[in-house]
PDB file of all heavy atoms in Angstrom:
ATOM      1  N   SER A   1      11.586   0.773  -3.411  1.00  0.00           N
ATOM      2  CA  SER A   1      10.147   0.963  -3.554  1.00  0.00           C
ATOM      3  C   SER A   1       9.640   2.049  -2.605  1.00  0.00           C
ATOM      4  O   SER A   1      10.276   2.382  -1.604  1.00  0.00           O
ATOM      5  CB  SER A   1       9.411  -0.337  -3.262  1.00  0.00           C
ATOM      6  OG  SER A   1       9.698  -1.306  -4.225  1.00  0.00           O
ATOM      7  N   MET A   2       8.487   2.583  -2.961  1.00  0.00           N
ATOM      8  CA  MET A   2       7.766   3.533  -2.109  1.00  0.00           C
ATOM      9  C   MET A   2       6.330   3.046  -2.033  1.00  0.00           C
ATOM     10  O   MET A   2       5.838   2.388  -2.971  1.00  0.00           O
ATOM     11  CB  MET A   2       7.825   4.951  -2.693  1.00  0.00           C
ATOM     12  CG  MET A   2       9.234   5.418  -2.998  1.00  0.00           C
ATOM     13  SD  MET A   2       9.301   7.062  -3.756  1.00  0.00           S
ATOM     14  CE  MET A   2       9.201   8.108  -2.305  1.00  0.00           C
ATOM     15  N   GLY A   3       5.663   3.357  -0.942  1.00  0.00           N
ATOM     16  CA  GLY A   3       4.307   2.830  -0.817  1.00  0.00           C
ATOM     17  C   GLY A   3       3.446   3.602   0.153  1.00  0.00           C
ATOM     18  O   GLY A   3       3.896   4.550   0.808  1.00  0.00           O
ATOM     19  N   TRP A   4       2.206   3.162   0.216  1.00  0.00           N
ATOM     20  CA  TRP A   4       1.220   3.757   1.124  1.00  0.00           C
ATOM     21  C   TRP A   4       0.500   2.647   1.883  1.00  0.00           C
ATOM     22  O   TRP A   4       0.133   1.624   1.297  1.00  0.00           O
ATOM     23  CB  TRP A   4       0.189   4.576   0.362  1.00  0.00           C
ATOM     24  CG  TRP A   4       0.714   5.849  -0.215  1.00  0.00           C
ATOM     25  CD1 TRP A   4       1.206   6.033  -1.477  1.00  0.00           C
ATOM     26  CD2 TRP A   4       0.819   7.115   0.449  1.00  0.00           C
ATOM     27  NE1 TRP A   4       1.610   7.332  -1.643  1.00  0.00           N
ATOM     28  CE2 TRP A   4       1.375   8.020  -0.471  1.00  0.00           C
ATOM     29  CE3 TRP A   4       0.488   7.576   1.723  1.00  0.00           C
ATOM     30  CZ2 TRP A   4       1.610   9.358  -0.158  1.00  0.00           C
ATOM     31  CZ3 TRP A   4       0.724   8.898   2.038  1.00  0.00           C
ATOM     32  CH2 TRP A   4       1.282   9.775   1.114  1.00  0.00           C
ATOM     33  N   TYR A   5       0.299   2.890   3.167  1.00  0.00           N
ATOM     34  CA  TYR A   5      -0.513   2.053   4.033  1.00  0.00           C
ATOM     35  C   TYR A   5      -1.575   2.941   4.667  1.00  0.00           C
ATOM     36  O   TYR A   5      -1.477   4.162   4.617  1.00  0.00           O
ATOM     37  CB  TYR A   5       0.339   1.439   5.159  1.00  0.00           C
ATOM     38  CG  TYR A   5       1.180   0.258   4.768  1.00  0.00           C
ATOM     39  CD1 TYR A   5       2.285   0.404   3.934  1.00  0.00           C
ATOM     40  CD2 TYR A   5       0.895  -1.020   5.267  1.00  0.00           C
ATOM     41  CE1 TYR A   5       3.065  -0.683   3.593  1.00  0.00           C
ATOM     42  CE2 TYR A   5       1.681  -2.114   4.935  1.00  0.00           C
ATOM     43  CZ  TYR A   5       2.760  -1.931   4.100  1.00  0.00           C
ATOM     44  OH  TYR A   5       3.540  -3.013   3.762  1.00  0.00           O
ATOM     45  N   ARG A   6      -2.547   2.307   5.285  1.00  0.00           N
ATOM     46  CA  ARG A   6      -3.507   3.059   6.072  1.00  0.00           C
ATOM     47  C   ARG A   6      -3.942   2.245   7.288  1.00  0.00           C
ATOM     48  O   ARG A   6      -3.848   1.023   7.291  1.00  0.00           O
ATOM     49  CB  ARG A   6      -4.732   3.455   5.245  1.00  0.00           C
ATOM     50  CG  ARG A   6      -5.667   2.305   4.896  1.00  0.00           C
ATOM     51  CD  ARG A   6      -6.815   2.806   4.034  1.00  0.00           C
ATOM     52  NE  ARG A   6      -7.795   1.743   3.779  1.00  0.00           N
ATOM     53  CZ  ARG A   6      -8.843   1.893   2.981  1.00  0.00           C
ATOM     54  NH1 ARG A   6      -9.060   3.057   2.359  1.00  0.00           N
ATOM     55  NH2 ARG A   6      -9.679   0.893   2.799  1.00  0.00           N
ATOM     56  N   GLN A   7      -4.408   2.968   8.299  1.00  0.00           N
ATOM     57  CA  GLN A   7      -4.901   2.309   9.502  1.00  0.00           C
ATOM     58  C   GLN A   7      -6.151   3.017   9.963  1.00  0.00           C
ATOM     59  O   GLN A   7      -6.106   4.200  10.335  1.00  0.00           O
ATOM     60  CB  GLN A   7      -3.845   2.314  10.607  1.00  0.00           C
ATOM     61  CG  GLN A   7      -4.244   1.508  11.818  1.00  0.00           C
ATOM     62  CD  GLN A   7      -3.079   1.241  12.747  1.00  0.00           C
ATOM     63  OE1 GLN A   7      -2.056   1.918  12.705  1.00  0.00           O
ATOM     64  NE2 GLN A   7      -3.216   0.234  13.597  1.00  0.00           N
ATOM     65  N   ALA A   8      -7.251   2.287   9.912  1.00  0.00           N
ATOM     66  CA  ALA A   8      -8.531   2.810  10.381  1.00  0.00           C
ATOM     67  C   ALA A   8      -8.664   2.541  11.877  1.00  0.00           C
ATOM     68  O   ALA A   8      -8.018   1.633  12.409  1.00  0.00           O
ATOM     69  CB  ALA A   8      -9.662   2.142   9.615  1.00  0.00           C
ATOM     70  N   PRO A   9      -9.508   3.309  12.558  1.00  0.00           N
ATOM     71  CA  PRO A   9      -9.691   3.109  13.998  1.00  0.00           C
ATOM     72  C   PRO A   9     -10.082   1.680  14.328  1.00  0.00           C
ATOM     73  O   PRO A   9     -11.016   1.128  13.723  1.00  0.00           O
ATOM     74  CB  PRO A   9     -10.812   4.087  14.346  1.00  0.00           C
ATOM     75  CG  PRO A   9     -10.728   5.138  13.307  1.00  0.00           C
ATOM     76  CD  PRO A   9     -10.303   4.440  12.048  1.00  0.00           C
ATOM     77  N   GLY A  10      -9.368   1.075  15.252  1.00  0.00           N
ATOM     78  CA  GLY A  10      -9.687  -0.271  15.688  1.00  0.00           C
ATOM     79  C   GLY A  10      -9.277  -1.368  14.735  1.00  0.00           C
ATOM     80  O   GLY A  10      -9.606  -2.543  14.953  1.00  0.00           O
ATOM     81  N   LYS A  11      -8.569  -1.012  13.666  1.00  0.00           N
ATOM     82  CA  LYS A  11      -8.171  -2.015  12.675  1.00  0.00           C
ATOM     83  C   LYS A  11      -6.651  -2.039  12.523  1.00  0.00           C
ATOM     84  O   LYS A  11      -5.949  -1.111  12.923  1.00  0.00           O
ATOM     85  CB  LYS A  11      -8.827  -1.720  11.326  1.00  0.00           C
ATOM     86  CG  LYS A  11     -10.335  -1.857  11.336  1.00  0.00           C
ATOM     87  CD  LYS A  11     -10.896  -1.739   9.934  1.00  0.00           C
ATOM     88  CE  LYS A  11     -12.403  -1.947   9.919  1.00  0.00           C
ATOM     89  NZ  LYS A  11     -12.966  -1.859   8.541  1.00  0.00           N
ATOM     90  N   GLN A  12      -6.167  -3.114  11.910  1.00  0.00           N
ATOM     91  CA  GLN A  12      -4.740  -3.223  11.652  1.00  0.00           C
ATOM     92  C   GLN A  12      -4.334  -2.361  10.464  1.00  0.00           C
ATOM     93  O   GLN A  12      -5.151  -2.067   9.584  1.00  0.00           O
ATOM     94  CB  GLN A  12      -4.378  -4.690  11.378  1.00  0.00           C
ATOM     95  CG  GLN A  12      -4.455  -5.580  12.609  1.00  0.00           C
ATOM     96  CD  GLN A  12      -3.908  -6.965  12.350  1.00  0.00           C
ATOM     97  OE1 GLN A  12      -3.987  -7.488  11.244  1.00  0.00           O
ATOM     98  NE2 GLN A  12      -3.319  -7.569  13.370  1.00  0.00           N
ATOM     99  N   ARG A  13      -3.060  -2.004  10.452  1.00  0.00           N
ATOM    100  CA  ARG A  13      -2.541  -1.266   9.319  1.00  0.00           C
ATOM    101  C   ARG A  13      -2.556  -2.159   8.087  1.00  0.00           C
ATOM    102  O   ARG A  13      -2.189  -3.340   8.157  1.00  0.00           O
ATOM    103  CB  ARG A  13      -1.118  -0.778   9.617  1.00  0.00           C
ATOM    104  CG  ARG A  13      -0.569   0.205   8.623  1.00  0.00           C
ATOM    105  CD  ARG A  13       0.774   0.760   9.084  1.00  0.00           C
ATOM    106  NE  ARG A  13       0.634   1.533  10.330  1.00  0.00           N
ATOM    107  CZ  ARG A  13       1.628   2.264  10.838  1.00  0.00           C
ATOM    108  NH1 ARG A  13       2.798   2.332  10.232  1.00  0.00           N
ATOM    109  NH2 ARG A  13       1.439   2.922  11.958  1.00  0.00           N
ATOM    110  N   GLU A  14      -2.984  -1.623   6.956  1.00  0.00           N
ATOM    111  CA  GLU A  14      -3.071  -2.416   5.740  1.00  0.00           C
ATOM    112  C   GLU A  14      -2.394  -1.690   4.585  1.00  0.00           C
ATOM    113  O   GLU A  14      -2.413  -0.462   4.505  1.00  0.00           O
ATOM    114  CB  GLU A  14      -4.543  -2.695   5.374  1.00  0.00           C
ATOM    115  CG  GLU A  14      -5.372  -1.471   5.108  1.00  0.00           C
ATOM    116  CD  GLU A  14      -6.801  -1.795   4.696  1.00  0.00           C
ATOM    117  OE1 GLU A  14      -7.098  -2.956   4.344  1.00  0.00           O
ATOM    118  OE2 GLU A  14      -7.631  -0.860   4.705  1.00  0.00           O
ATOM    119  N   ILE A  15      -1.828  -2.467   3.692  1.00  0.00           N
ATOM    120  CA  ILE A  15      -1.166  -1.876   2.540  1.00  0.00           C
ATOM    121  C   ILE A  15      -2.194  -1.422   1.528  1.00  0.00           C
ATOM    122  O   ILE A  15      -3.243  -2.053   1.354  1.00  0.00           O
ATOM    123  CB  ILE A  15      -0.169  -2.861   1.897  1.00  0.00           C
ATOM    124  CG1 ILE A  15       0.670  -2.143   0.837  1.00  0.00           C
ATOM    125  CG2 ILE A  15      -0.896  -4.079   1.334  1.00  0.00           C
ATOM    126  CD1 ILE A  15       1.878  -2.922   0.368  1.00  0.00           C
ATOM    127  N   ILE A  16      -1.893  -0.297   0.890  1.00  0.00           N
ATOM    128  CA  ILE A  16      -2.728   0.205  -0.195  1.00  0.00           C
ATOM    129  C   ILE A  16      -2.059  -0.097  -1.528  1.00  0.00           C
ATOM    130  O   ILE A  16      -2.643  -0.746  -2.403  1.00  0.00           O
ATOM    131  CB  ILE A  16      -2.956   1.716  -0.079  1.00  0.00           C
ATOM    132  CG1 ILE A  16      -3.648   2.058   1.230  1.00  0.00           C
ATOM    133  CG2 ILE A  16      -3.741   2.229  -1.276  1.00  0.00           C
ATOM    134  CD1 ILE A  16      -3.716   3.535   1.532  1.00  0.00           C
ATOM    135  N   ALA A  17      -0.834   0.377  -1.664  1.00  0.00           N
ATOM    136  CA  ALA A  17      -0.136   0.220  -2.938  1.00  0.00           C
ATOM    137  C   ALA A  17       1.361   0.412  -2.733  1.00  0.00           C
ATOM    138  O   ALA A  17       1.800   0.978  -1.730  1.00  0.00           O
ATOM    139  CB  ALA A  17      -0.646   1.233  -3.963  1.00  0.00           C
ATOM    140  N   ARG A  18       2.083  -0.070  -3.727  1.00  0.00           N
ATOM    141  CA  ARG A  18       3.545   0.010  -3.706  1.00  0.00           C
ATOM    142  C   ARG A  18       4.008   0.271  -5.127  1.00  0.00           C
ATOM    143  O   ARG A  18       3.396  -0.222  -6.089  1.00  0.00           O
ATOM    144  CB  ARG A  18       4.106  -1.304  -3.185  1.00  0.00           C
ATOM    145  CG  ARG A  18       5.599  -1.381  -3.041  1.00  0.00           C
ATOM    146  CD  ARG A  18       5.981  -2.628  -2.264  1.00  0.00           C
ATOM    147  NE  ARG A  18       7.424  -2.794  -2.123  1.00  0.00           N
ATOM    148  CZ  ARG A  18       8.008  -3.498  -1.170  1.00  0.00           C
ATOM    149  NH1 ARG A  18       7.270  -4.137  -0.286  1.00  0.00           N
ATOM    150  NH2 ARG A  18       9.321  -3.592  -1.103  1.00  0.00           N
ATOM    151  N   ILE A  19       5.102   1.040  -5.261  1.00  0.00           N
ATOM    152  CA  ILE A  19       5.636   1.344  -6.585  1.00  0.00           C
ATOM    153  C   ILE A  19       7.149   1.222  -6.539  1.00  0.00           C
ATOM    154  O   ILE A  19       7.798   1.712  -5.613  1.00  0.00           O
ATOM    155  CB  ILE A  19       5.183   2.745  -7.058  1.00  0.00           C
ATOM    156  CG1 ILE A  19       5.667   3.031  -8.476  1.00  0.00           C
ATOM    157  CG2 ILE A  19       5.633   3.836  -6.089  1.00  0.00           C
ATOM    158  CD1 ILE A  19       5.007   4.265  -9.099  1.00  0.00           C
ATOM    159  N   THR A  20       7.707   0.542  -7.537  1.00  0.00           N
ATOM    160  CA  THR A  20       9.151   0.346  -7.585  1.00  0.00           C
ATOM    161  C   THR A  20       9.835   1.565  -8.192  1.00  0.00           C
ATOM    162  O   THR A  20       9.186   2.473  -8.727  1.00  0.00           O
ATOM    163  CB  THR A  20       9.504  -0.884  -8.424  1.00  0.00           C
ATOM    164  OG1 THR A  20       9.193  -0.607  -9.803  1.00  0.00           O
ATOM    165  CG2 THR A  20       8.734  -2.113  -7.970  1.00  0.00           C
ATOM    166  N   ALA A  21      11.159   1.566  -8.138  1.00  0.00           N
ATOM    167  CA  ALA A  21      11.918   2.664  -8.719  1.00  0.00           C
ATOM    168  C   ALA A  21      11.672   2.766 -10.219  1.00  0.00           C
ATOM    169  O   ALA A  21      11.727   3.865 -10.791  1.00  0.00           O
ATOM    170  CB  ALA A  21      13.402   2.475  -8.433  1.00  0.00           C
ATOM    171  N   GLY A  22      11.379   1.656 -10.832  1.00  0.00           N
ATOM    172  CA  GLY A  22      11.131   1.658 -12.262  1.00  0.00           C
ATOM    173  C   GLY A  22       9.701   1.968 -12.644  1.00  0.00           C
ATOM    174  O   GLY A  22       9.372   2.059 -13.824  1.00  0.00           O
ATOM    175  N   GLY A  23       8.842   2.127 -11.638  1.00  0.00           N
ATOM    176  CA  GLY A  23       7.465   2.504 -11.906  1.00  0.00           C
ATOM    177  C   GLY A  23       6.460   1.370 -11.900  1.00  0.00           C
ATOM    178  O   GLY A  23       5.269   1.591 -12.133  1.00  0.00           O
ATOM    179  N   ALA A  24       6.900   0.153 -11.633  1.00  0.00           N
ATOM    180  CA  ALA A  24       5.954  -0.951 -11.538  1.00  0.00           C
ATOM    181  C   ALA A  24       5.119  -0.799 -10.273  1.00  0.00           C
ATOM    182  O   ALA A  24       5.647  -0.446  -9.217  1.00  0.00           O
ATOM    183  CB  ALA A  24       6.689  -2.275 -11.523  1.00  0.00           C
ATOM    184  N   THR A  25       3.833  -1.054 -10.406  1.00  0.00           N
ATOM    185  CA  THR A  25       2.923  -0.833  -9.278  1.00  0.00           C
ATOM    186  C   THR A  25       2.258  -2.120  -8.830  1.00  0.00           C
ATOM    187  O   THR A  25       2.079  -3.058  -9.606  1.00  0.00           O
ATOM    188  CB  THR A  25       1.829   0.181  -9.645  1.00  0.00           C
ATOM    189  OG1 THR A  25       1.115  -0.294 -10.796  1.00  0.00           O
ATOM    190  CG2 THR A  25       2.425   1.542  -9.951  1.00  0.00           C
ATOM    191  N   MET A  26       1.893  -2.136  -7.572  1.00  0.00           N
ATOM    192  CA  MET A  26       1.149  -3.239  -6.975  1.00  0.00           C
ATOM    193  C   MET A  26       0.090  -2.629  -6.083  1.00  0.00           C
ATOM    194  O   MET A  26       0.379  -1.715  -5.310  1.00  0.00           O
ATOM    195  CB  MET A  26       2.074  -4.130  -6.145  1.00  0.00           C
ATOM    196  CG  MET A  26       1.397  -5.305  -5.445  1.00  0.00           C
ATOM    197  SD  MET A  26       0.472  -4.885  -3.926  1.00  0.00           S
ATOM    198  CE  MET A  26       1.809  -4.416  -2.848  1.00  0.00           C
ATOM    199  N   TYR A  27      -1.131  -3.126  -6.179  1.00  0.00           N
ATOM    200  CA  TYR A  27      -2.226  -2.652  -5.352  1.00  0.00           C
ATOM    201  C   TYR A  27      -2.836  -3.810  -4.572  1.00  0.00           C
ATOM    202  O   TYR A  27      -2.964  -4.920  -5.094  1.00  0.00           O
ATOM    203  CB  TYR A  27      -3.323  -2.016  -6.209  1.00  0.00           C
ATOM    204  CG  TYR A  27      -2.906  -0.752  -6.922  1.00  0.00           C
ATOM    205  CD1 TYR A  27      -2.336  -0.804  -8.193  1.00  0.00           C
ATOM    206  CD2 TYR A  27      -3.091   0.493  -6.328  1.00  0.00           C
ATOM    207  CE1 TYR A  27      -1.948   0.351  -8.849  1.00  0.00           C
ATOM    208  CE2 TYR A  27      -2.712   1.662  -6.982  1.00  0.00           C
ATOM    209  CZ  TYR A  27      -2.141   1.578  -8.235  1.00  0.00           C
ATOM    210  OH  TYR A  27      -1.763   2.730  -8.881  1.00  0.00           O
ATOM    211  N   ALA A  28      -3.258  -3.513  -3.362  1.00  0.00           N
ATOM    212  CA  ALA A  28      -4.079  -4.478  -2.650  1.00  0.00           C
ATOM    213  C   ALA A  28      -5.374  -4.648  -3.437  1.00  0.00           C
ATOM    214  O   ALA A  28      -5.880  -3.689  -4.039  1.00  0.00           O
ATOM    215  CB  ALA A  28      -4.365  -3.977  -1.238  1.00  0.00           C
ATOM    216  N   ASP A  29      -5.896  -5.853  -3.440  1.00  0.00           N
ATOM    217  CA  ASP A  29      -7.079  -6.134  -4.256  1.00  0.00           C
ATOM    218  C   ASP A  29      -8.225  -5.175  -3.958  1.00  0.00           C
ATOM    219  O   ASP A  29      -8.926  -4.716  -4.869  1.00  0.00           O
ATOM    220  CB  ASP A  29      -7.538  -7.574  -4.033  1.00  0.00           C
ATOM    221  CG  ASP A  29      -6.612  -8.583  -4.695  1.00  0.00           C
ATOM    222  OD1 ASP A  29      -5.844  -8.184  -5.594  1.00  0.00           O
ATOM    223  OD2 ASP A  29      -6.653  -9.764  -4.320  1.00  0.00           O
ATOM    224  N   SER A  30      -8.420  -4.871  -2.687  1.00  0.00           N
ATOM    225  CA  SER A  30      -9.546  -4.021  -2.299  1.00  0.00           C
ATOM    226  C   SER A  30      -9.344  -2.563  -2.677  1.00  0.00           C
ATOM    227  O   SER A  30     -10.276  -1.762  -2.605  1.00  0.00           O
ATOM    228  CB  SER A  30      -9.795  -4.134  -0.795  1.00  0.00           C
ATOM    229  OG  SER A  30      -8.658  -3.703  -0.074  1.00  0.00           O
TER     230      SER A  30
END
């Protein structure tokens, strides 16, 4: 899988989305 996270100032790192080798995707609800 490959994915993206982000970290805003003063906040914890949070997941944005993830994608598998086959192209299936998962997104954080927000």
